[in-house]
Amino acid sequence: MQTKKIILQCTNLCKSYEDGENQREILKNVNLEISAGSICQICGKSGSGKTTLLNLLAGLDCATLGTIRFSGKTYGTMSEEEHAKLRGESFGFVFQSFHLLRNVSVEENIKAPAYVNGRKVDSEYMGYLVEMLGLKDLRKQMVCKLSGGEQQRTAIARAMLLKPQIVFADEPTGNLDSANTELIVELFRKINKEQGTTFVVVTHEEDLLKPCAKQIWIKDGEVQLEE
């Protein structure tokens, strides 16, 4: 059986903050390897450090100690400009609170990454995304008039527009009902299977992406278990 390529890895990753005169440790010597084309689910209780870990892996925050490598590139050796280019070209982001422009149309929200990164919109691919995500009839609708599930689907389309190698999702179903949660999970599985996109998903719902996801359990800033 062929071994899958490791796309993202961290070694002895630590994160701490100044808390008055003391140092507060959030992550302690975390070591992970994530394979290309996989779905990785990071689980743990509130305050366990799972969102901090996601932010570090996504390059949205800096580690106190340790190294992170994505496709052979080491975060700590890159300039901020190089890092921003990497995030823009290779990463997609989906958040619990959507982070959409509320008084802008669905279509313009989806196109935002192309504008920010100076890229031309692939109209055919965008059409495929809105069709797959059930947004075809909502393209001109203002985001503020959408349901939570529709907003999250818009956020997923935005995350996928530039065909990222990896999508980071922080509690993507946390504000959704069970029907929309099931829909979003199926969309992630479909995109993963059809596009080969790697997903790293933080969630407190341990069964969310079973059985297709690798599970990483975080407790008190340390990896307790990988399944």
C-alpha atoms as a PDB file:
ATOM      1  CA  MET A   1       0.000   0.000   0.000  1.00  0.00           C
ATOM      2  CA  GLN A   2       1.369   3.406  -1.013  1.00  0.00           C
ATOM      3  CA  THR A   3       2.144   5.793   1.837  1.00  0.00           C
ATOM      4  CA  LYS A   4       0.381   9.136   1.523  1.00  0.00           C
ATOM      5  CA  LYS A   5       2.501  12.273   1.322  1.00  0.00           C
ATOM      6  CA  ILE A   6       2.722  14.320   4.525  1.00  0.00           C
ATOM      7  CA  ILE A   7       1.450  17.792   3.652  1.00  0.00           C
ATOM      8  CA  LEU A   8       1.527  19.419   7.111  1.00  0.00           C
ATOM      9  CA  GLN A   9       3.536  18.594  10.198  1.00  0.00           C
ATOM     10  CA  CYS A  10       4.541  20.172  13.468  1.00  0.00           C
ATOM     11  CA  THR A  11       7.359  19.192  15.794  1.00  0.00           C
ATOM     12  CA  ASN A  12       7.573  19.970  19.530  1.00  0.00           C
ATOM     13  CA  LEU A  13       5.045  22.769  19.079  1.00  0.00           C
ATOM     14  CA  CYS A  14       4.538  24.985  22.130  1.00  0.00           C
ATOM     15  CA  LYS A  15       2.459  28.099  22.703  1.00  0.00           C
ATOM     16  CA  SER A  16       2.367  30.232  25.826  1.00  0.00           C
ATOM     17  CA  TYR A  17       1.127  33.676  26.801  1.00  0.00           C
ATOM     18  CA  GLU A  18       2.154  36.202  29.408  1.00  0.00           C
ATOM     19  CA  ASP A  19      -0.412  36.136  32.216  1.00  0.00           C
ATOM     20  CA  GLY A  20       0.662  38.861  34.582  1.00  0.00           C
ATOM     21  CA  GLU A  21       4.023  37.758  35.954  1.00  0.00           C
ATOM     22  CA  ASN A  22       3.463  34.163  34.896  1.00  0.00           C
ATOM     23  CA  GLN A  23       3.627  32.217  31.646  1.00  0.00           C
ATOM     24  CA  ARG A  24       0.428  30.408  30.705  1.00  0.00           C
ATOM     25  CA  GLU A  25       1.059  27.303  28.603  1.00  0.00           C
ATOM     26  CA  ILE A  26      -1.615  26.646  25.983  1.00  0.00           C
ATOM     27  CA  LEU A  27       0.140  23.938  23.946  1.00  0.00           C
ATOM     28  CA  LYS A  28       2.915  21.629  25.134  1.00  0.00           C
ATOM     29  CA  ASN A  29       5.224  19.751  22.752  1.00  0.00           C
ATOM     30  CA  VAL A  30       2.633  18.846  20.141  1.00  0.00           C
ATOM     31  CA  ASN A  31       3.814  16.569  17.326  1.00  0.00           C
ATOM     32  CA  LEU A  32       1.533  15.886  14.377  1.00  0.00           C
ATOM     33  CA  GLU A  33       1.651  14.692  10.779  1.00  0.00           C
ATOM     34  CA  ILE A  34      -1.264  15.269   8.416  1.00  0.00           C
ATOM     35  CA  SER A  35      -1.423  13.438   5.094  1.00  0.00           C
ATOM     36  CA  ALA A  36      -2.383  15.077   1.822  1.00  0.00           C
ATOM     37  CA  GLY A  37      -5.992  14.386   0.879  1.00  0.00           C
ATOM     38  CA  SER A  38      -7.009  13.409   4.401  1.00  0.00           C
ATOM     39  CA  ILE A  39      -9.606  14.742   6.829  1.00  0.00           C
ATOM     40  CA  CYS A  40      -8.194  15.450  10.271  1.00  0.00           C
ATOM     41  CA  GLN A  41     -10.518  16.174  13.176  1.00  0.00           C
ATOM     42  CA  ILE A  42      -9.068  17.913  16.256  1.00  0.00           C
ATOM     43  CA  CYS A  43     -11.233  17.244  19.305  1.00  0.00           C
ATOM     44  CA  GLY A  44     -11.181  18.391  22.897  1.00  0.00           C
ATOM     45  CA  LYS A  45     -13.104  20.263  25.547  1.00  0.00           C
ATOM     46  CA  SER A  46     -13.395  24.040  25.584  1.00  0.00           C
ATOM     47  CA  GLY A  47     -10.056  25.516  26.640  1.00  0.00           C
ATOM     48  CA  SER A  48      -8.063  22.417  25.682  1.00  0.00           C
ATOM     49  CA  GLY A  49      -6.000  24.311  23.106  1.00  0.00           C
ATOM     50  CA  LYS A  50      -7.549  22.942  19.916  1.00  0.00           C
ATOM     51  CA  THR A  51      -8.344  26.326  18.324  1.00  0.00           C
ATOM     52  CA  THR A  52      -4.886  27.624  19.243  1.00  0.00           C
ATOM     53  CA  LEU A  53      -3.413  24.586  17.493  1.00  0.00           C
ATOM     54  CA  LEU A  54      -5.510  25.223  14.391  1.00  0.00           C
ATOM     55  CA  ASN A  55      -4.432  28.876  14.286  1.00  0.00           C
ATOM     56  CA  LEU A  56      -0.778  27.880  14.510  1.00  0.00           C
ATOM     57  CA  LEU A  57      -1.076  25.224  11.806  1.00  0.00           C
ATOM     58  CA  ALA A  58      -2.866  27.743   9.575  1.00  0.00           C
ATOM     59  CA  GLY A  59      -0.213  30.391  10.111  1.00  0.00           C
ATOM     60  CA  LEU A  60      -2.656  32.788  11.779  1.00  0.00           C
ATOM     61  CA  ASP A  61      -0.565  32.859  14.960  1.00  0.00           C
ATOM     62  CA  CYS A  62       3.092  32.241  15.831  1.00  0.00           C
ATOM     63  CA  ALA A  63       4.408  29.417  17.976  1.00  0.00           C
ATOM     64  CA  THR A  64       6.487  30.069  21.073  1.00  0.00           C
ATOM     65  CA  LEU A  65       8.662  27.035  20.331  1.00  0.00           C
ATOM     66  CA  GLY A  66       8.740  24.263  17.765  1.00  0.00           C
ATOM     67  CA  THR A  67       8.469  24.060  13.988  1.00  0.00           C
ATOM     68  CA  ILE A  68       5.648  23.817  11.453  1.00  0.00           C
ATOM     69  CA  ARG A  69       6.188  22.721   7.860  1.00  0.00           C
ATOM     70  CA  PHE A  70       3.718  22.820   4.991  1.00  0.00           C
ATOM     71  CA  SER A  71       4.744  21.067   1.745  1.00  0.00           C
ATOM     72  CA  GLY A  72       8.400  21.460   2.651  1.00  0.00           C
ATOM     73  CA  LYS A  73       8.157  25.125   3.680  1.00  0.00           C
ATOM     74  CA  THR A  74       9.038  25.993   7.272  1.00  0.00           C
ATOM     75  CA  TYR A  75       6.904  28.774   8.735  1.00  0.00           C
ATOM     76  CA  GLY A  76       9.608  30.306  10.915  1.00  0.00           C
ATOM     77  CA  THR A  77      11.981  30.885   7.984  1.00  0.00           C
ATOM     78  CA  MET A  78       9.426  32.744   5.858  1.00  0.00           C
ATOM     79  CA  SER A  79       8.875  36.488   5.681  1.00  0.00           C
ATOM     80  CA  GLU A  80       5.388  37.810   6.455  1.00  0.00           C
ATOM     81  CA  GLU A  81       4.918  38.501   2.743  1.00  0.00           C
ATOM     82  CA  GLU A  82       5.864  34.925   1.853  1.00  0.00           C
ATOM     83  CA  HIS A  83       3.603  33.614   4.594  1.00  0.00           C
ATOM     84  CA  ALA A  84       0.665  35.728   3.414  1.00  0.00           C
ATOM     85  CA  LYS A  85       1.212  34.440  -0.126  1.00  0.00           C
ATOM     86  CA  LEU A  86       1.221  30.850   1.131  1.00  0.00           C
ATOM     87  CA  ARG A  87      -2.069  31.388   3.013  1.00  0.00           C
ATOM     88  CA  GLY A  88      -3.646  33.088   0.009  1.00  0.00           C
ATOM     89  CA  GLU A  89      -2.590  30.481  -2.538  1.00  0.00           C
ATOM     90  CA  SER A  90      -2.769  27.233  -0.588  1.00  0.00           C
ATOM     91  CA  PHE A  91      -5.157  27.646   2.356  1.00  0.00           C
ATOM     92  CA  GLY A  92      -8.908  28.063   2.741  1.00  0.00           C
ATOM     93  CA  PHE A  93     -10.657  29.052   5.973  1.00  0.00           C
ATOM     94  CA  VAL A  94     -14.114  28.286   7.402  1.00  0.00           C
ATOM     95  CA  PHE A  95     -15.135  29.718  10.774  1.00  0.00           C
ATOM     96  CA  GLN A  96     -18.023  29.129  13.173  1.00  0.00           C
ATOM     97  CA  SER A  97     -19.088  32.780  12.908  1.00  0.00           C
ATOM     98  CA  PHE A  98     -18.813  32.745   9.080  1.00  0.00           C
ATOM     99  CA  HIS A  99     -16.792  36.038   8.787  1.00  0.00           C
ATOM    100  CA  LEU A 100     -18.768  37.155   5.735  1.00  0.00           C
ATOM    101  CA  LEU A 101     -19.458  40.697   4.515  1.00  0.00           C
ATOM    102  CA  ARG A 102     -23.082  40.979   5.600  1.00  0.00           C
ATOM    103  CA  ASN A 103     -24.225  43.801   3.314  1.00  0.00           C
ATOM    104  CA  VAL A 104     -22.594  42.310   0.229  1.00  0.00           C
ATOM    105  CA  SER A 105     -24.042  39.656  -2.081  1.00  0.00           C
ATOM    106  CA  VAL A 106     -23.305  35.952  -1.867  1.00  0.00           C
ATOM    107  CA  GLU A 107     -21.464  36.132  -5.174  1.00  0.00           C
ATOM    108  CA  GLU A 108     -19.207  39.002  -4.120  1.00  0.00           C
ATOM    109  CA  ASN A 109     -18.411  37.264  -0.828  1.00  0.00           C
ATOM    110  CA  ILE A 110     -17.367  34.126  -2.678  1.00  0.00           C
ATOM    111  CA  LYS A 111     -15.166  36.144  -5.047  1.00  0.00           C
ATOM    112  CA  ALA A 112     -13.404  37.982  -2.195  1.00  0.00           C
ATOM    113  CA  PRO A 113     -10.293  35.712  -2.053  1.00  0.00           C
ATOM    114  CA  ALA A 114      -9.644  36.329  -5.751  1.00  0.00           C
ATOM    115  CA  TYR A 115      -9.814  40.088  -5.233  1.00  0.00           C
ATOM    116  CA  VAL A 116      -7.542  39.985  -2.175  1.00  0.00           C
ATOM    117  CA  ASN A 117      -4.946  37.761  -3.859  1.00  0.00           C
ATOM    118  CA  GLY A 118      -5.015  39.431  -7.270  1.00  0.00           C
ATOM    119  CA  ARG A 119      -6.344  36.329  -9.001  1.00  0.00           C
ATOM    120  CA  LYS A 120      -8.799  35.976 -11.846  1.00  0.00           C
ATOM    121  CA  VAL A 121     -12.092  34.281 -10.942  1.00  0.00           C
ATOM    122  CA  ASP A 122     -12.602  30.948 -12.690  1.00  0.00           C
ATOM    123  CA  SER A 123     -16.259  31.491 -13.621  1.00  0.00           C
ATOM    124  CA  GLU A 124     -16.817  27.870 -14.615  1.00  0.00           C
ATOM    125  CA  TYR A 125     -15.431  26.552 -11.339  1.00  0.00           C
ATOM    126  CA  MET A 126     -17.377  29.128  -9.337  1.00  0.00           C
ATOM    127  CA  GLY A 127     -20.527  27.993 -11.131  1.00  0.00           C
ATOM    128  CA  TYR A 128     -19.730  24.421 -10.121  1.00  0.00           C
ATOM    129  CA  LEU A 129     -19.267  25.469  -6.491  1.00  0.00           C
ATOM    130  CA  VAL A 130     -22.525  27.404  -6.191  1.00  0.00           C
ATOM    131  CA  GLU A 131     -24.383  24.538  -7.877  1.00  0.00           C
ATOM    132  CA  MET A 132     -22.838  21.912  -5.584  1.00  0.00           C
ATOM    133  CA  LEU A 133     -23.482  24.043  -2.489  1.00  0.00           C
ATOM    134  CA  GLY A 134     -27.086  24.886  -3.388  1.00  0.00           C
ATOM    135  CA  LEU A 135     -26.384  28.615  -3.802  1.00  0.00           C
ATOM    136  CA  LYS A 136     -27.260  29.048  -7.474  1.00  0.00           C
ATOM    137  CA  ASP A 137     -30.506  30.922  -6.783  1.00  0.00           C
ATOM    138  CA  LEU A 138     -28.928  32.987  -3.992  1.00  0.00           C
ATOM    139  CA  ARG A 139     -25.966  34.494  -5.849  1.00  0.00           C
ATOM    140  CA  LYS A 140     -27.376  38.036  -5.833  1.00  0.00           C
ATOM    141  CA  GLN A 141     -28.899  37.808  -2.355  1.00  0.00           C
ATOM    142  CA  MET A 142     -27.419  39.923   0.447  1.00  0.00           C
ATOM    143  CA  VAL A 143     -25.686  37.759   3.056  1.00  0.00           C
ATOM    144  CA  CYS A 144     -27.600  39.454   5.898  1.00  0.00           C
ATOM    145  CA  LYS A 145     -30.808  37.878   4.554  1.00  0.00           C
ATOM    146  CA  LEU A 146     -29.478  34.304   4.563  1.00  0.00           C
ATOM    147  CA  SER A 147     -30.044  31.561   7.115  1.00  0.00           C
ATOM    148  CA  GLY A 148     -27.108  30.254   9.146  1.00  0.00           C
ATOM    149  CA  GLY A 149     -26.761  27.190   6.948  1.00  0.00           C
ATOM    150  CA  GLU A 150     -26.790  29.304   3.768  1.00  0.00           C
ATOM    151  CA  GLN A 151     -24.142  31.597   5.224  1.00  0.00           C
ATOM    152  CA  GLN A 152     -21.905  28.668   6.096  1.00  0.00           C
ATOM    153  CA  ARG A 153     -22.297  27.222   2.603  1.00  0.00           C
ATOM    154  CA  THR A 154     -21.316  30.632   1.224  1.00  0.00           C
ATOM    155  CA  ALA A 155     -18.245  30.596   3.476  1.00  0.00           C
ATOM    156  CA  ILE A 156     -17.311  27.131   2.192  1.00  0.00           C
ATOM    157  CA  ALA A 157     -17.631  28.285  -1.424  1.00  0.00           C
ATOM    158  CA  ARG A 158     -15.409  31.265  -0.601  1.00  0.00           C
ATOM    159  CA  ALA A 159     -12.848  28.959   1.031  1.00  0.00           C
ATOM    160  CA  MET A 160     -12.788  26.690  -2.039  1.00  0.00           C
ATOM    161  CA  LEU A 161     -12.733  29.361  -4.771  1.00  0.00           C
ATOM    162  CA  LEU A 162      -8.960  29.338  -5.321  1.00  0.00           C
ATOM    163  CA  LYS A 163      -8.747  25.523  -5.063  1.00  0.00           C
ATOM    164  CA  PRO A 164      -6.684  25.427  -1.850  1.00  0.00           C
ATOM    165  CA  GLN A 165      -4.620  22.400  -0.960  1.00  0.00           C
ATOM    166  CA  ILE A 166      -5.909  22.505   2.598  1.00  0.00           C
ATOM    167  CA  VAL A 167      -8.969  23.937   4.360  1.00  0.00           C
ATOM    168  CA  PHE A 168      -8.884  24.863   8.045  1.00  0.00           C
ATOM    169  CA  ALA A 169     -12.302  24.856   9.708  1.00  0.00           C
ATOM    170  CA  ASP A 170     -12.908  26.024  13.283  1.00  0.00           C
ATOM    171  CA  GLU A 171     -16.193  24.656  14.696  1.00  0.00           C
ATOM    172  CA  PRO A 172     -17.833  24.970  11.245  1.00  0.00           C
ATOM    173  CA  THR A 173     -21.122  23.452  12.441  1.00  0.00           C
ATOM    174  CA  GLY A 174     -21.166  24.988  15.918  1.00  0.00           C
ATOM    175  CA  ASN A 175     -23.974  27.460  15.126  1.00  0.00           C
ATOM    176  CA  LEU A 176     -26.029  25.137  12.910  1.00  0.00           C
ATOM    177  CA  ASP A 177     -28.976  22.827  13.494  1.00  0.00           C
ATOM    178  CA  SER A 178     -28.692  19.084  12.905  1.00  0.00           C
ATOM    179  CA  ALA A 179     -29.983  19.202   9.308  1.00  0.00           C
ATOM    180  CA  ASN A 180     -27.466  21.861   8.263  1.00  0.00           C
ATOM    181  CA  THR A 181     -24.709  20.128  10.219  1.00  0.00           C
ATOM    182  CA  GLU A 182     -25.300  16.927   8.262  1.00  0.00           C
ATOM    183  CA  LEU A 183     -25.313  18.890   5.003  1.00  0.00           C
ATOM    184  CA  ILE A 184     -21.996  20.624   5.771  1.00  0.00           C
ATOM    185  CA  VAL A 185     -20.364  17.331   6.779  1.00  0.00           C
ATOM    186  CA  GLU A 186     -21.455  15.717   3.518  1.00  0.00           C
ATOM    187  CA  LEU A 187     -20.110  18.713   1.569  1.00  0.00           C
ATOM    188  CA  PHE A 188     -16.717  18.376   3.241  1.00  0.00           C
ATOM    189  CA  ARG A 189     -16.636  14.671   2.390  1.00  0.00           C
ATOM    190  CA  LYS A 190     -17.675  15.357  -1.197  1.00  0.00           C
ATOM    191  CA  ILE A 191     -15.066  18.094  -1.712  1.00  0.00           C
ATOM    192  CA  ASN A 192     -12.410  15.907  -0.103  1.00  0.00           C
ATOM    193  CA  LYS A 193     -13.242  12.984  -2.369  1.00  0.00           C
ATOM    194  CA  GLU A 194     -13.690  14.929  -5.618  1.00  0.00           C
ATOM    195  CA  GLN A 195     -11.001  17.599  -5.200  1.00  0.00           C
ATOM    196  CA  GLY A 196      -8.519  15.758  -2.973  1.00  0.00           C
ATOM    197  CA  THR A 197      -8.609  18.734  -0.595  1.00  0.00           C
ATOM    198  CA  THR A 198      -7.122  18.184   2.848  1.00  0.00           C
ATOM    199  CA  PHE A 199      -9.347  19.269   5.756  1.00  0.00           C
ATOM    200  CA  VAL A 200      -8.263  20.123   9.298  1.00  0.00           C
ATOM    201  CA  VAL A 201     -11.390  20.577  11.404  1.00  0.00           C
ATOM    202  CA  VAL A 202     -11.659  21.668  15.031  1.00  0.00           C
ATOM    203  CA  THR A 203     -14.824  20.436  16.731  1.00  0.00           C
ATOM    204  CA  HIS A 204     -16.175  19.458  20.124  1.00  0.00           C
ATOM    205  CA  GLU A 205     -18.429  16.884  18.390  1.00  0.00           C
ATOM    206  CA  GLU A 206     -16.307  13.734  18.450  1.00  0.00           C
ATOM    207  CA  ASP A 207     -18.474  11.848  15.934  1.00  0.00           C
ATOM    208  CA  LEU A 208     -18.828  14.730  13.472  1.00  0.00           C
ATOM    209  CA  LEU A 209     -16.685  13.393  10.633  1.00  0.00           C
ATOM    210  CA  LYS A 210     -16.490   9.715  11.505  1.00  0.00           C
ATOM    211  CA  PRO A 211     -15.613   7.279  10.049  1.00  0.00           C
ATOM    212  CA  CYS A 212     -13.533   9.044   7.380  1.00  0.00           C
ATOM    213  CA  ALA A 213     -11.532  11.374   9.624  1.00  0.00           C
ATOM    214  CA  LYS A 214      -8.329  10.893  11.555  1.00  0.00           C
ATOM    215  CA  GLN A 215      -9.050  12.001  15.122  1.00  0.00           C
ATOM    216  CA  ILE A 216      -6.611  13.923  17.291  1.00  0.00           C
ATOM    217  CA  TRP A 217      -7.557  14.458  20.919  1.00  0.00           C
ATOM    218  CA  ILE A 218      -6.201  17.443  22.840  1.00  0.00           C
ATOM    219  CA  LYS A 219      -6.360  17.748  26.624  1.00  0.00           C
ATOM    220  CA  ASP A 220      -4.726  20.555  28.608  1.00  0.00           C
ATOM    221  CA  GLY A 221      -2.611  21.517  25.594  1.00  0.00           C
ATOM    222  CA  GLU A 222      -1.224  18.050  24.907  1.00  0.00           C
ATOM    223  CA  VAL A 223      -2.077  15.402  22.330  1.00  0.00           C
ATOM    224  CA  GLN A 224      -3.635  12.539  24.256  1.00  0.00           C
ATOM    225  CA  LEU A 225      -4.684  10.230  21.462  1.00  0.00           C
ATOM    226  CA  GLU A 226      -4.634   9.800  17.695  1.00  0.00           C
ATOM    227  CA  GLU A 227      -7.089   7.437  16.002  1.00  0.00           C
END
